[in-house]
Amino acid sequence: MRICDLKCREVINIRDCRRLGYVGEIEFDLESGCILAIIVPGPAAFCGFLCREKEFVIPFCCIRQVGPDIILVDVDEKEVAAKCRT
């Protein structure tokens, strides 16, 4: 599997079956080459016209299954939500 393959997958939280979005970025440990987290852009700030206010930084340990078109995660959205870095 390639990194670009992960960006085509939708992320769904199994706690409430809510769609979080699609993988936007992946955080790596440069020394080991391991994936630390996937980053999913949050909802748009103002009807989709302006930038996004937050993003979901989901640790790799919270990923439950990677399927052919979705990634299932088990997270508390309030814990993984972070301000966007701009």
C-alpha atoms as a PDB file:
ATOM      1  CA  MET A   1       0.000   0.000   0.000  1.00  0.00           C
ATOM      2  CA  ARG A   2       1.222   3.481  -0.830  1.00  0.00           C
ATOM      3  CA  ILE A   3       0.665   6.680   1.110  1.00  0.00           C
ATOM      4  CA  CYS A   4      -1.328   8.169  -1.757  1.00  0.00           C
ATOM      5  CA  ASP A   5      -3.713   5.192  -1.440  1.00  0.00           C
ATOM      6  CA  LEU A   6      -4.599   6.286   2.108  1.00  0.00           C
ATOM      7  CA  LYS A   7      -5.569   9.775   0.935  1.00  0.00           C
ATOM      8  CA  CYS A   8      -8.378   8.308  -1.172  1.00  0.00           C
ATOM      9  CA  ARG A   9     -10.075   6.714   1.824  1.00  0.00           C
ATOM     10  CA  GLU A  10     -12.855   8.146   3.942  1.00  0.00           C
ATOM     11  CA  VAL A  11     -12.390   8.074   7.729  1.00  0.00           C
ATOM     12  CA  ILE A  12     -15.344   6.896   9.832  1.00  0.00           C
ATOM     13  CA  ASN A  13     -15.534   6.940  13.621  1.00  0.00           C
ATOM     14  CA  ILE A  14     -16.971   3.632  14.872  1.00  0.00           C
ATOM     15  CA  ARG A  15     -18.121   5.172  18.173  1.00  0.00           C
ATOM     16  CA  ASP A  16     -20.965   7.071  16.513  1.00  0.00           C
ATOM     17  CA  CYS A  17     -20.661   6.001  12.831  1.00  0.00           C
ATOM     18  CA  ARG A  18     -19.901   9.609  11.893  1.00  0.00           C
ATOM     19  CA  ARG A  19     -17.923  10.492   8.786  1.00  0.00           C
ATOM     20  CA  LEU A  20     -14.895  12.580   9.714  1.00  0.00           C
ATOM     21  CA  GLY A  21     -13.700  13.220   6.168  1.00  0.00           C
ATOM     22  CA  TYR A  22     -10.830  12.058   3.990  1.00  0.00           C
ATOM     23  CA  VAL A  23      -7.185  11.690   4.994  1.00  0.00           C
ATOM     24  CA  GLY A  24      -5.397  14.956   4.259  1.00  0.00           C
ATOM     25  CA  GLU A  25      -1.933  14.350   5.689  1.00  0.00           C
ATOM     26  CA  ILE A  26       0.072  11.644   7.407  1.00  0.00           C
ATOM     27  CA  GLU A  27       2.464  12.245  10.288  1.00  0.00           C
ATOM     28  CA  PHE A  28       5.643  10.119  10.336  1.00  0.00           C
ATOM     29  CA  ASP A  29       8.463   9.426  12.751  1.00  0.00           C
ATOM     30  CA  LEU A  30      11.458  10.340  10.598  1.00  0.00           C
ATOM     31  CA  GLU A  31      13.860   8.039  12.432  1.00  0.00           C
ATOM     32  CA  SER A  32      11.795   4.852  12.363  1.00  0.00           C
ATOM     33  CA  GLY A  33       9.639   5.595   9.308  1.00  0.00           C
ATOM     34  CA  CYS A  34       6.501   4.575  11.215  1.00  0.00           C
ATOM     35  CA  ILE A  35       3.167   6.332  10.849  1.00  0.00           C
ATOM     36  CA  LEU A  36       2.334   8.302  14.002  1.00  0.00           C
ATOM     37  CA  ALA A  37      -1.041   9.749  13.000  1.00  0.00           C
ATOM     38  CA  ILE A  38      -3.386  10.527  10.158  1.00  0.00           C
ATOM     39  CA  ILE A  39      -4.711  14.067   9.842  1.00  0.00           C
ATOM     40  CA  VAL A  40      -8.233  14.671   8.576  1.00  0.00           C
ATOM     41  CA  PRO A  41      -9.313  18.245   7.749  1.00  0.00           C
ATOM     42  CA  GLY A  42     -12.382  19.245   9.753  1.00  0.00           C
ATOM     43  CA  PRO A  43     -15.535  20.898   8.457  1.00  0.00           C
ATOM     44  CA  ALA A  44     -15.236  24.240   6.666  1.00  0.00           C
ATOM     45  CA  ALA A  45     -15.474  27.355   8.845  1.00  0.00           C
ATOM     46  CA  PHE A  46     -18.026  29.394   6.886  1.00  0.00           C
ATOM     47  CA  CYS A  47     -20.265  27.461   4.498  1.00  0.00           C
ATOM     48  CA  GLY A  48     -17.190  26.005   2.788  1.00  0.00           C
ATOM     49  CA  PHE A  49     -15.930  29.370   1.541  1.00  0.00           C
ATOM     50  CA  LEU A  50     -13.210  30.086   4.080  1.00  0.00           C
ATOM     51  CA  CYS A  51     -10.446  28.001   5.580  1.00  0.00           C
ATOM     52  CA  ARG A  52     -11.029  25.201   8.023  1.00  0.00           C
ATOM     53  CA  GLU A  53     -10.994  25.972  11.740  1.00  0.00           C
ATOM     54  CA  LYS A  54      -9.863  22.583  12.999  1.00  0.00           C
ATOM     55  CA  GLU A  55      -8.536  19.233  11.959  1.00  0.00           C
ATOM     56  CA  PHE A  56      -8.620  15.769  13.461  1.00  0.00           C
ATOM     57  CA  VAL A  57      -5.205  14.342  14.410  1.00  0.00           C
ATOM     58  CA  ILE A  58      -5.894  10.637  14.838  1.00  0.00           C
ATOM     59  CA  PRO A  59      -3.108   8.548  16.419  1.00  0.00           C
ATOM     60  CA  PHE A  60      -2.188   5.399  14.544  1.00  0.00           C
ATOM     61  CA  CYS A  61      -3.143   3.252  17.551  1.00  0.00           C
ATOM     62  CA  CYS A  62      -6.781   4.416  17.141  1.00  0.00           C
ATOM     63  CA  ILE A  63      -7.073   2.993  13.633  1.00  0.00           C
ATOM     64  CA  ARG A  64      -9.117  -0.199  13.831  1.00  0.00           C
ATOM     65  CA  GLN A  65      -9.283  -1.263  10.192  1.00  0.00           C
ATOM     66  CA  VAL A  66      -8.135  -0.067   6.787  1.00  0.00           C
ATOM     67  CA  GLY A  67     -10.485  -1.218   4.074  1.00  0.00           C
ATOM     68  CA  PRO A  68     -10.449  -0.785   0.293  1.00  0.00           C
ATOM     69  CA  ASP A  69     -12.324   2.534   0.493  1.00  0.00           C
ATOM     70  CA  ILE A  70     -12.688   3.468   4.196  1.00  0.00           C
ATOM     71  CA  ILE A  71     -10.622   3.671   7.366  1.00  0.00           C
ATOM     72  CA  LEU A  72     -12.399   2.804  10.619  1.00  0.00           C
ATOM     73  CA  VAL A  73     -11.165   4.623  13.729  1.00  0.00           C
ATOM     74  CA  ASP A  74     -12.205   4.559  17.389  1.00  0.00           C
ATOM     75  CA  VAL A  75     -11.696   8.074  18.783  1.00  0.00           C
ATOM     76  CA  ASP A  76     -13.275  10.717  20.971  1.00  0.00           C
ATOM     77  CA  GLU A  77     -13.601  13.596  18.501  1.00  0.00           C
ATOM     78  CA  LYS A  78     -13.050  16.219  21.199  1.00  0.00           C
ATOM     79  CA  GLU A  79      -9.708  14.659  22.122  1.00  0.00           C
ATOM     80  CA  VAL A  80      -8.352  14.463  18.572  1.00  0.00           C
ATOM     81  CA  ALA A  81      -9.629  17.831  17.322  1.00  0.00           C
ATOM     82  CA  ALA A  82      -6.857  20.407  16.976  1.00  0.00           C
ATOM     83  CA  LYS A  83      -6.562  23.940  15.662  1.00  0.00           C
ATOM     84  CA  CYS A  84      -5.398  24.057  12.062  1.00  0.00           C
ATOM     85  CA  ARG A  85      -1.768  24.940  11.553  1.00  0.00           C
ATOM     86  CA  THR A  86      -1.496  27.802   9.088  1.00  0.00           C
END
